Amino acid sequence: MKTIALLCLLAAPGVLHAADVADPVKEIMDATVSNWSGADTEWIDIFDAAKIDQRFSRDFVAKYHEAEKHPAMEDGISPFDYDVIINGEDACPLKDISITPEPPADGKTEVVVRFRKMDCADGPEAQVVSTVRFELIDEGGKPVVDDIVNEDSETKESTSLKAIMTDIINGN
């Protein structure tokens, strides 16, 4: 009986499964790793029009499209003038990448990604571990990213990408 109840719970809509909850995060991180690999490859836009609706929540996409109306650079199309995953403009090939789904809470599942982005640098910054928290929700029976939260490695303060987009939309 317990087995049947567990199977019913696993099959219930709205429940994010550990096996696939991290899939959109893995896609985003695969693109980010490729972008910073040092190889002579074309940049992969994680907000590409063909993929944005598959990877991100409706609320995130709506905010992104509003923020797009305010490009960061005069001839640009992006509301950001930096890579939102590495939280900067420069990086080395990413090293020591880990992707860890946390237990669901309050209708969200957090997937924590850690990596070293300055491994090729001299000095202590080469050992700094960056932490990015992807907040995922279930929409239409599949996990989608609802926010990307960067954690400052020194202060441990967090910055929400949705909050940044709201500031861009409001002209802040």
N, C-alpha and C. Protein backbone atom coordinates (compact mmCIF):
# COMPACT_ATOMS: atom_id res chain seq x y z
N MET A 1 0.82 -1.19 0.00
CA MET A 1 0.00 0.00 0.00
C MET A 1 0.87 1.27 0.00
N LYS A 2 1.95 1.24 0.78
CA LYS A 2 2.84 2.39 0.82
C LYS A 2 3.48 2.61 -0.55
N THR A 3 3.78 1.52 -1.24
CA THR A 3 4.38 1.63 -2.57
C THR A 3 3.43 2.30 -3.54
N ILE A 4 2.15 1.92 -3.49
CA ILE A 4 1.15 2.52 -4.38
C ILE A 4 1.00 4.00 -4.07
N ALA A 5 0.96 4.36 -2.80
CA ALA A 5 0.83 5.77 -2.42
C ALA A 5 2.03 6.56 -2.91
N LEU A 6 3.22 6.00 -2.79
CA LEU A 6 4.42 6.68 -3.26
C LEU A 6 4.38 6.84 -4.78
N LEU A 7 3.96 5.81 -5.49
CA LEU A 7 3.85 5.90 -6.95
C LEU A 7 2.84 6.96 -7.36
N CYS A 8 1.74 7.05 -6.67
CA CYS A 8 0.73 8.07 -6.96
C CYS A 8 1.29 9.46 -6.72
N LEU A 9 2.03 9.63 -5.63
CA LEU A 9 2.63 10.92 -5.33
C LEU A 9 3.63 11.31 -6.42
N LEU A 10 4.45 10.34 -6.84
CA LEU A 10 5.43 10.63 -7.87
C LEU A 10 4.79 10.97 -9.21
N ALA A 11 3.63 10.42 -9.47
CA ALA A 11 2.96 10.67 -10.74
C ALA A 11 2.07 11.91 -10.69
N ALA A 12 1.90 12.48 -9.50
CA ALA A 12 1.00 13.63 -9.35
C ALA A 12 1.54 14.84 -10.09
N PRO A 13 0.63 15.55 -10.79
CA PRO A 13 1.09 16.77 -11.46
C PRO A 13 1.51 17.81 -10.43
N GLY A 14 2.44 18.65 -10.81
CA GLY A 14 2.90 19.70 -9.92
C GLY A 14 4.05 19.29 -9.02
N VAL A 15 4.42 18.00 -9.04
CA VAL A 15 5.53 17.54 -8.23
C VAL A 15 6.77 17.50 -9.12
N LEU A 16 7.80 18.23 -8.75
CA LEU A 16 9.04 18.23 -9.51
C LEU A 16 9.88 17.05 -9.07
N HIS A 17 10.31 16.24 -10.02
CA HIS A 17 11.09 15.06 -9.72
C HIS A 17 12.57 15.37 -9.80
N ALA A 18 13.33 14.81 -8.86
CA ALA A 18 14.77 15.07 -8.81
C ALA A 18 15.47 14.71 -10.12
N ALA A 19 14.97 13.68 -10.79
CA ALA A 19 15.62 13.23 -12.03
C ALA A 19 15.58 14.30 -13.11
N ASP A 20 14.49 15.08 -13.18
CA ASP A 20 14.39 16.06 -14.26
C ASP A 20 14.28 17.49 -13.79
N VAL A 21 14.22 17.74 -12.51
CA VAL A 21 14.10 19.10 -12.02
C VAL A 21 15.31 19.94 -12.43
N ALA A 22 16.46 19.33 -12.51
CA ALA A 22 17.67 20.08 -12.84
C ALA A 22 17.90 20.22 -14.34
N ASP A 23 17.06 19.62 -15.17
CA ASP A 23 17.28 19.65 -16.62
C ASP A 23 17.43 21.06 -17.19
N PRO A 24 16.53 22.03 -16.88
CA PRO A 24 16.73 23.36 -17.44
C PRO A 24 18.02 24.02 -16.92
N VAL A 25 18.39 23.72 -15.70
CA VAL A 25 19.63 24.26 -15.12
C VAL A 25 20.83 23.66 -15.85
N LYS A 26 20.78 22.35 -16.11
CA LYS A 26 21.87 21.70 -16.84
C LYS A 26 22.02 22.30 -18.23
N GLU A 27 20.92 22.57 -18.92
CA GLU A 27 20.98 23.20 -20.25
C GLU A 27 21.65 24.57 -20.17
N ILE A 28 21.24 25.36 -19.19
CA ILE A 28 21.80 26.70 -19.02
C ILE A 28 23.28 26.61 -18.67
N MET A 29 23.64 25.69 -17.80
CA MET A 29 25.04 25.55 -17.42
C MET A 29 25.88 24.98 -18.56
N ASP A 30 25.33 24.07 -19.36
CA ASP A 30 26.06 23.57 -20.54
C ASP A 30 26.39 24.73 -21.48
N ALA A 31 25.42 25.62 -21.69
CA ALA A 31 25.67 26.79 -22.55
C ALA A 31 26.72 27.69 -21.92
N THR A 32 26.63 27.92 -20.63
CA THR A 32 27.58 28.79 -19.94
C THR A 32 28.99 28.21 -19.97
N VAL A 33 29.11 26.92 -19.75
CA VAL A 33 30.41 26.27 -19.83
C VAL A 33 30.99 26.42 -21.23
N SER A 34 30.16 26.21 -22.25
CA SER A 34 30.62 26.37 -23.63
C SER A 34 31.05 27.80 -23.91
N ASN A 35 30.26 28.76 -23.43
CA ASN A 35 30.58 30.18 -23.66
C ASN A 35 31.93 30.57 -23.08
N TRP A 36 32.30 29.99 -21.95
CA TRP A 36 33.54 30.37 -21.28
C TRP A 36 34.63 29.32 -21.44
N SER A 37 34.48 28.42 -22.39
CA SER A 37 35.44 27.33 -22.58
C SER A 37 36.77 27.78 -23.15
N GLY A 38 36.78 28.95 -23.79
CA GLY A 38 37.99 29.40 -24.45
C GLY A 38 38.08 28.90 -25.88
N ALA A 39 37.17 28.04 -26.26
CA ALA A 39 37.14 27.52 -27.63
C ALA A 39 36.54 28.59 -28.54
N ASP A 40 36.89 28.50 -29.80
CA ASP A 40 36.38 29.45 -30.79
C ASP A 40 35.01 28.99 -31.28
N THR A 41 34.01 29.14 -30.39
CA THR A 41 32.65 28.73 -30.72
C THR A 41 31.72 29.93 -30.61
N GLU A 42 30.58 29.81 -31.25
CA GLU A 42 29.59 30.88 -31.21
C GLU A 42 28.97 30.96 -29.81
N TRP A 43 28.74 32.19 -29.34
CA TRP A 43 28.14 32.43 -28.03
C TRP A 43 26.72 31.86 -28.02
N ILE A 44 26.37 31.16 -26.95
CA ILE A 44 25.03 30.60 -26.80
C ILE A 44 24.25 31.49 -25.86
N ASP A 45 23.18 32.08 -26.36
CA ASP A 45 22.34 32.96 -25.56
C ASP A 45 21.37 32.11 -24.75
N ILE A 46 21.48 32.15 -23.42
CA ILE A 46 20.58 31.34 -22.59
C ILE A 46 19.15 31.86 -22.65
N PHE A 47 18.97 33.09 -23.16
CA PHE A 47 17.63 33.67 -23.30
C PHE A 47 17.18 33.65 -24.76
N ASP A 48 17.77 32.79 -25.56
CA ASP A 48 17.41 32.65 -26.97
C ASP A 48 15.90 32.47 -27.12
N ALA A 49 15.33 33.18 -28.10
CA ALA A 49 13.88 33.15 -28.32
C ALA A 49 13.34 31.74 -28.52
N ALA A 50 14.13 30.86 -29.09
CA ALA A 50 13.68 29.49 -29.34
C ALA A 50 13.62 28.64 -28.08
N LYS A 51 14.31 29.05 -27.02
CA LYS A 51 14.39 28.24 -25.79
C LYS A 51 13.82 28.91 -24.55
N ILE A 52 13.66 30.22 -24.57
CA ILE A 52 13.31 30.93 -23.33
C ILE A 52 12.01 30.42 -22.71
N ASP A 53 11.01 30.14 -23.54
CA ASP A 53 9.73 29.67 -23.01
C ASP A 53 9.81 28.24 -22.47
N GLN A 54 10.81 27.49 -22.89
CA GLN A 54 10.97 26.12 -22.41
C GLN A 54 11.76 26.06 -21.11
N ARG A 55 12.63 27.03 -20.88
CA ARG A 55 13.52 27.00 -19.72
C ARG A 55 13.02 27.83 -18.54
N PHE A 56 12.24 28.88 -18.84
CA PHE A 56 11.91 29.85 -17.80
C PHE A 56 10.39 29.95 -17.60
N SER A 57 9.99 30.39 -16.41
CA SER A 57 8.58 30.55 -16.06
C SER A 57 7.96 31.70 -16.86
N ARG A 58 6.65 31.68 -16.95
CA ARG A 58 5.93 32.76 -17.65
C ARG A 58 6.24 34.11 -17.02
N ASP A 59 6.29 34.18 -15.69
CA ASP A 59 6.58 35.44 -15.01
C ASP A 59 7.99 35.92 -15.33
N PHE A 60 8.96 35.02 -15.31
CA PHE A 60 10.34 35.37 -15.64
C PHE A 60 10.42 35.89 -17.08
N VAL A 61 9.79 35.17 -18.01
CA VAL A 61 9.83 35.54 -19.43
C VAL A 61 9.19 36.91 -19.64
N ALA A 62 8.07 37.17 -18.97
CA ALA A 62 7.41 38.47 -19.11
C ALA A 62 8.33 39.60 -18.63
N LYS A 63 8.98 39.39 -17.50
CA LYS A 63 9.91 40.40 -16.98
C LYS A 63 11.09 40.57 -17.93
N TYR A 64 11.60 39.47 -18.46
CA TYR A 64 12.74 39.55 -19.37
C TYR A 64 12.36 40.36 -20.62
N HIS A 65 11.20 40.08 -21.20
CA HIS A 65 10.78 40.80 -22.40
C HIS A 65 10.56 42.29 -22.13
N GLU A 66 10.06 42.63 -20.96
CA GLU A 66 9.93 44.05 -20.59
C GLU A 66 11.31 44.68 -20.41
N ALA A 67 12.21 43.98 -19.75
CA ALA A 67 13.57 44.50 -19.54
C ALA A 67 14.33 44.63 -20.87
N GLU A 68 14.02 43.76 -21.83
CA GLU A 68 14.66 43.82 -23.16
C GLU A 68 14.42 45.17 -23.85
N LYS A 69 13.34 45.83 -23.49
CA LYS A 69 13.02 47.13 -24.08
C LYS A 69 14.00 48.21 -23.64
N HIS A 70 14.87 47.86 -22.70
CA HIS A 70 15.87 48.78 -22.16
C HIS A 70 17.24 48.12 -22.26
N PRO A 71 17.80 48.01 -23.48
CA PRO A 71 19.09 47.32 -23.62
C PRO A 71 20.20 48.01 -22.83
N ALA A 72 21.11 47.20 -22.33
CA ALA A 72 22.21 47.71 -21.52
C ALA A 72 23.19 48.55 -22.32
N MET A 73 23.32 48.25 -23.60
CA MET A 73 24.24 49.01 -24.45
C MET A 73 23.45 49.61 -25.62
N GLU A 74 23.95 50.71 -26.13
CA GLU A 74 23.23 51.45 -27.16
C GLU A 74 22.81 50.60 -28.34
N ASP A 75 23.70 49.78 -28.85
CA ASP A 75 23.39 48.93 -30.00
C ASP A 75 23.01 47.51 -29.58
N GLY A 76 22.81 47.30 -28.29
CA GLY A 76 22.56 45.96 -27.79
C GLY A 76 21.11 45.54 -27.83
N ILE A 77 20.92 44.26 -27.58
CA ILE A 77 19.57 43.72 -27.51
C ILE A 77 19.27 43.17 -26.11
N SER A 78 20.31 42.98 -25.32
CA SER A 78 20.13 42.39 -24.00
C SER A 78 19.98 43.49 -22.95
N PRO A 79 19.16 43.23 -21.94
CA PRO A 79 19.07 44.19 -20.84
C PRO A 79 20.27 44.12 -19.90
N PHE A 80 21.16 43.16 -20.14
CA PHE A 80 22.32 42.95 -19.26
C PHE A 80 23.61 43.22 -20.02
N ASP A 81 24.58 43.81 -19.33
CA ASP A 81 25.89 44.03 -19.93
C ASP A 81 26.94 43.11 -19.30
N TYR A 82 26.48 41.99 -18.80
CA TYR A 82 27.35 41.00 -18.18
C TYR A 82 26.68 39.63 -18.28
N ASP A 83 27.43 38.58 -18.04
CA ASP A 83 26.88 37.23 -18.03
C ASP A 83 26.20 37.02 -16.67
N VAL A 84 24.90 36.77 -16.69
CA VAL A 84 24.13 36.69 -15.44
C VAL A 84 24.42 35.42 -14.66
N ILE A 85 25.00 34.42 -15.28
CA ILE A 85 25.33 33.20 -14.56
C ILE A 85 26.66 33.34 -13.82
N ILE A 86 27.69 33.81 -14.51
CA ILE A 86 28.98 33.99 -13.82
C ILE A 86 28.99 35.29 -13.03
N ASN A 87 27.98 36.13 -13.26
CA ASN A 87 27.83 37.40 -12.55
C ASN A 87 29.03 38.31 -12.82
N GLY A 88 29.41 38.38 -14.10
CA GLY A 88 30.53 39.23 -14.46
C GLY A 88 30.76 39.26 -15.96
N GLU A 89 31.81 39.99 -16.35
CA GLU A 89 32.14 40.15 -17.75
C GLU A 89 33.31 39.27 -18.18
N ASP A 90 34.06 38.76 -17.24
CA ASP A 90 35.23 37.95 -17.56
C ASP A 90 35.23 36.69 -16.72
N ALA A 91 35.73 35.63 -17.35
CA ALA A 91 35.90 34.37 -16.64
C ALA A 91 36.86 33.50 -17.42
N CYS A 92 37.37 32.53 -16.73
CA CYS A 92 38.19 31.49 -17.34
C CYS A 92 37.24 30.32 -17.65
N PRO A 93 37.75 29.27 -18.28
CA PRO A 93 36.90 28.08 -18.38
C PRO A 93 36.45 27.65 -16.98
N LEU A 94 35.18 27.37 -16.83
CA LEU A 94 34.63 27.04 -15.51
C LEU A 94 35.17 25.69 -15.03
N LYS A 95 35.48 25.61 -13.75
CA LYS A 95 36.04 24.40 -13.14
C LYS A 95 35.23 23.99 -11.93
N ASP A 96 35.34 22.73 -11.58
CA ASP A 96 34.74 22.17 -10.35
C ASP A 96 33.25 22.48 -10.25
N ILE A 97 32.52 22.21 -11.32
CA ILE A 97 31.09 22.51 -11.37
C ILE A 97 30.30 21.43 -10.65
N SER A 98 29.39 21.87 -9.78
CA SER A 98 28.46 20.94 -9.14
C SER A 98 27.05 21.50 -9.30
N ILE A 99 26.11 20.60 -9.53
CA ILE A 99 24.69 20.96 -9.68
C ILE A 99 23.93 20.10 -8.69
N THR A 100 23.33 20.75 -7.68
CA THR A 100 22.69 20.01 -6.59
C THR A 100 21.25 20.46 -6.37
N PRO A 101 20.27 19.62 -6.71
CA PRO A 101 18.88 19.95 -6.39
C PRO A 101 18.63 19.82 -4.89
N GLU A 102 17.97 20.80 -4.32
CA GLU A 102 17.60 20.78 -2.91
C GLU A 102 16.18 20.21 -2.79
N PRO A 103 15.77 19.79 -1.60
CA PRO A 103 14.39 19.32 -1.42
C PRO A 103 13.39 20.46 -1.70
N PRO A 104 12.26 20.15 -2.30
CA PRO A 104 11.26 21.19 -2.58
C PRO A 104 10.73 21.82 -1.29
N ALA A 105 10.40 23.12 -1.38
CA ALA A 105 9.82 23.85 -0.25
C ALA A 105 8.98 25.00 -0.79
N ASP A 106 7.80 25.18 -0.25
CA ASP A 106 6.93 26.29 -0.61
C ASP A 106 6.64 26.36 -2.11
N GLY A 107 6.47 25.19 -2.74
CA GLY A 107 6.14 25.15 -4.16
C GLY A 107 7.30 25.41 -5.10
N LYS A 108 8.51 25.50 -4.56
CA LYS A 108 9.70 25.74 -5.38
C LYS A 108 10.75 24.69 -5.06
N THR A 109 11.60 24.46 -6.04
CA THR A 109 12.77 23.61 -5.84
C THR A 109 13.97 24.44 -6.21
N GLU A 110 14.93 24.46 -5.32
CA GLU A 110 16.15 25.21 -5.57
C GLU A 110 17.23 24.25 -6.07
N VAL A 111 17.90 24.65 -7.14
CA VAL A 111 19.03 23.89 -7.65
C VAL A 111 20.26 24.78 -7.47
N VAL A 112 21.20 24.31 -6.67
CA VAL A 112 22.38 25.10 -6.33
C VAL A 112 23.53 24.67 -7.25
N VAL A 113 24.13 25.67 -7.91
CA VAL A 113 25.27 25.42 -8.80
C VAL A 113 26.48 26.14 -8.21
N ARG A 114 27.57 25.41 -8.15
CA ARG A 114 28.82 25.99 -7.67
C ARG A 114 29.90 25.73 -8.70
N PHE A 115 30.81 26.69 -8.85
CA PHE A 115 31.91 26.55 -9.80
C PHE A 115 32.98 27.58 -9.48
N ARG A 116 34.16 27.32 -10.03
CA ARG A 116 35.24 28.30 -9.96
C ARG A 116 35.35 28.92 -11.34
N LYS A 117 35.25 30.25 -11.42
CA LYS A 117 35.25 30.93 -12.70
C LYS A 117 36.57 31.62 -13.04
N MET A 118 37.48 31.69 -12.09
CA MET A 118 38.75 32.39 -12.32
C MET A 118 39.95 31.48 -12.10
N ASP A 119 39.80 30.22 -12.41
CA ASP A 119 40.84 29.22 -12.20
C ASP A 119 42.16 29.58 -12.88
N CYS A 120 42.09 30.28 -14.01
CA CYS A 120 43.31 30.61 -14.76
C CYS A 120 44.01 31.86 -14.22
N ALA A 121 43.42 32.51 -13.22
CA ALA A 121 44.01 33.73 -12.65
C ALA A 121 45.10 33.38 -11.64
N ASP A 122 45.95 34.36 -11.41
CA ASP A 122 46.95 34.22 -10.35
C ASP A 122 46.36 34.81 -9.08
N GLY A 123 46.65 34.22 -7.97
CA GLY A 123 46.20 34.78 -6.71
C GLY A 123 45.00 34.05 -6.14
N PRO A 124 44.49 34.59 -5.04
CA PRO A 124 43.41 33.92 -4.31
C PRO A 124 42.10 33.83 -5.08
N GLU A 125 41.85 34.75 -6.04
CA GLU A 125 40.58 34.69 -6.79
C GLU A 125 40.45 33.40 -7.58
N ALA A 126 41.56 32.72 -7.85
CA ALA A 126 41.52 31.45 -8.59
C ALA A 126 40.81 30.36 -7.80
N GLN A 127 40.78 30.50 -6.47
CA GLN A 127 40.16 29.48 -5.62
C GLN A 127 38.74 29.82 -5.19
N VAL A 128 38.26 31.01 -5.54
CA VAL A 128 36.92 31.44 -5.12
C VAL A 128 35.86 30.58 -5.80
N VAL A 129 34.93 30.11 -5.02
CA VAL A 129 33.82 29.31 -5.54
C VAL A 129 32.58 30.21 -5.66
N SER A 130 32.05 30.28 -6.87
CA SER A 130 30.81 31.05 -7.12
C SER A 130 29.61 30.16 -6.85
N THR A 131 28.54 30.75 -6.31
CA THR A 131 27.31 30.02 -6.05
C THR A 131 26.17 30.73 -6.73
N VAL A 132 25.41 29.96 -7.52
CA VAL A 132 24.22 30.46 -8.19
C VAL A 132 23.07 29.54 -7.81
N ARG A 133 21.97 30.15 -7.36
CA ARG A 133 20.80 29.38 -6.96
C ARG A 133 19.70 29.59 -7.99
N PHE A 134 19.28 28.51 -8.59
CA PHE A 134 18.18 28.54 -9.55
C PHE A 134 16.92 28.13 -8.81
N GLU A 135 15.90 28.99 -8.84
CA GLU A 135 14.62 28.66 -8.23
C GLU A 135 13.71 28.14 -9.32
N LEU A 136 13.25 26.89 -9.17
CA LEU A 136 12.40 26.27 -10.17
C LEU A 136 11.00 26.04 -9.64
N ILE A 137 10.04 26.18 -10.53
CA ILE A 137 8.65 25.88 -10.22
C ILE A 137 8.13 24.93 -11.30
N ASP A 138 6.97 24.37 -11.06
CA ASP A 138 6.32 23.51 -12.03
C ASP A 138 5.30 24.35 -12.81
N GLU A 139 5.42 24.34 -14.12
CA GLU A 139 4.42 24.96 -14.99
C GLU A 139 4.08 23.97 -16.08
N GLY A 140 2.82 23.58 -16.14
CA GLY A 140 2.39 22.65 -17.16
C GLY A 140 3.04 21.28 -17.02
N GLY A 141 3.37 20.89 -15.80
CA GLY A 141 3.94 19.58 -15.57
C GLY A 141 5.42 19.47 -15.82
N LYS A 142 6.11 20.61 -16.02
CA LYS A 142 7.57 20.54 -16.22
C LYS A 142 8.26 21.61 -15.40
N PRO A 143 9.49 21.33 -14.99
CA PRO A 143 10.23 22.32 -14.21
C PRO A 143 10.74 23.45 -15.09
N VAL A 144 10.57 24.67 -14.60
CA VAL A 144 11.09 25.86 -15.29
C VAL A 144 11.74 26.77 -14.26
N VAL A 145 12.73 27.52 -14.71
CA VAL A 145 13.45 28.45 -13.84
C VAL A 145 12.58 29.68 -13.61
N ASP A 146 12.33 30.01 -12.35
CA ASP A 146 11.53 31.18 -12.00
C ASP A 146 12.41 32.34 -11.54
N ASP A 147 13.63 32.05 -11.14
CA ASP A 147 14.58 33.11 -10.77
C ASP A 147 15.98 32.53 -10.73
N ILE A 148 16.95 33.41 -10.92
CA ILE A 148 18.37 33.06 -10.81
C ILE A 148 18.94 34.00 -9.76
N VAL A 149 19.51 33.44 -8.71
CA VAL A 149 20.00 34.22 -7.59
C VAL A 149 21.50 33.99 -7.44
N ASN A 150 22.26 35.06 -7.61
CA ASN A 150 23.71 35.00 -7.42
C ASN A 150 24.05 35.35 -5.98
N GLU A 151 24.99 34.60 -5.44
CA GLU A 151 25.44 34.85 -4.08
C GLU A 151 26.85 35.43 -4.13
N ASP A 152 27.04 36.55 -3.45
CA ASP A 152 28.37 37.15 -3.37
C ASP A 152 29.27 36.24 -2.55
N SER A 153 30.43 35.88 -3.10
CA SER A 153 31.31 34.92 -2.42
C SER A 153 31.90 35.46 -1.12
N GLU A 154 32.00 36.78 -1.00
CA GLU A 154 32.56 37.35 0.22
C GLU A 154 31.49 37.66 1.26
N THR A 155 30.45 38.39 0.85
CA THR A 155 29.45 38.84 1.81
C THR A 155 28.31 37.85 2.01
N LYS A 156 28.17 36.90 1.08
CA LYS A 156 27.07 35.92 1.06
C LYS A 156 25.71 36.57 0.81
N GLU A 157 25.70 37.85 0.40
CA GLU A 157 24.45 38.51 0.02
C GLU A 157 23.98 37.96 -1.31
N SER A 158 22.66 37.88 -1.48
CA SER A 158 22.08 37.32 -2.69
C SER A 158 21.44 38.41 -3.54
N THR A 159 21.52 38.22 -4.86
CA THR A 159 20.92 39.15 -5.80
C THR A 159 20.03 38.37 -6.76
N SER A 160 18.75 38.72 -6.78
CA SER A 160 17.76 38.08 -7.63
C SER A 160 17.77 38.71 -9.02
N LEU A 161 17.83 37.88 -10.06
CA LEU A 161 17.79 38.39 -11.43
C LEU A 161 16.42 39.00 -11.73
N LYS A 162 15.35 38.44 -11.18
CA LYS A 162 14.03 39.04 -11.38
C LYS A 162 13.96 40.43 -10.76
N ALA A 163 14.60 40.63 -9.62
CA ALA A 163 14.63 41.95 -9.00
C ALA A 163 15.44 42.92 -9.86
N ILE A 164 16.54 42.43 -10.43
CA ILE A 164 17.35 43.28 -11.32
C ILE A 164 16.52 43.67 -12.55
N MET A 165 15.79 42.72 -13.12
CA MET A 165 14.95 43.03 -14.28
C MET A 165 13.87 44.05 -13.93
N THR A 166 13.29 43.93 -12.75
CA THR A 166 12.29 44.90 -12.30
C THR A 166 12.91 46.28 -12.18
N ASP A 167 14.12 46.37 -11.64
CA ASP A 167 14.83 47.66 -11.57
C ASP A 167 15.07 48.23 -12.97
N ILE A 168 15.47 47.38 -13.91
CA ILE A 168 15.68 47.84 -15.29
C ILE A 168 14.40 48.38 -15.87
N ILE A 169 13.31 47.64 -15.68
CA ILE A 169 12.00 48.06 -16.21
C ILE A 169 11.58 49.40 -15.61
N ASN A 170 11.87 49.60 -14.32
CA ASN A 170 11.48 50.83 -13.62
C ASN A 170 12.50 51.96 -13.80
N GLY A 171 13.53 51.72 -14.58
CA GLY A 171 14.52 52.75 -14.84
C GLY A 171 15.50 52.99 -13.72
N ASN A 172 15.65 52.03 -12.84
CA ASN A 172 16.59 52.16 -11.70
C ASN A 172 17.94 51.60 -12.05
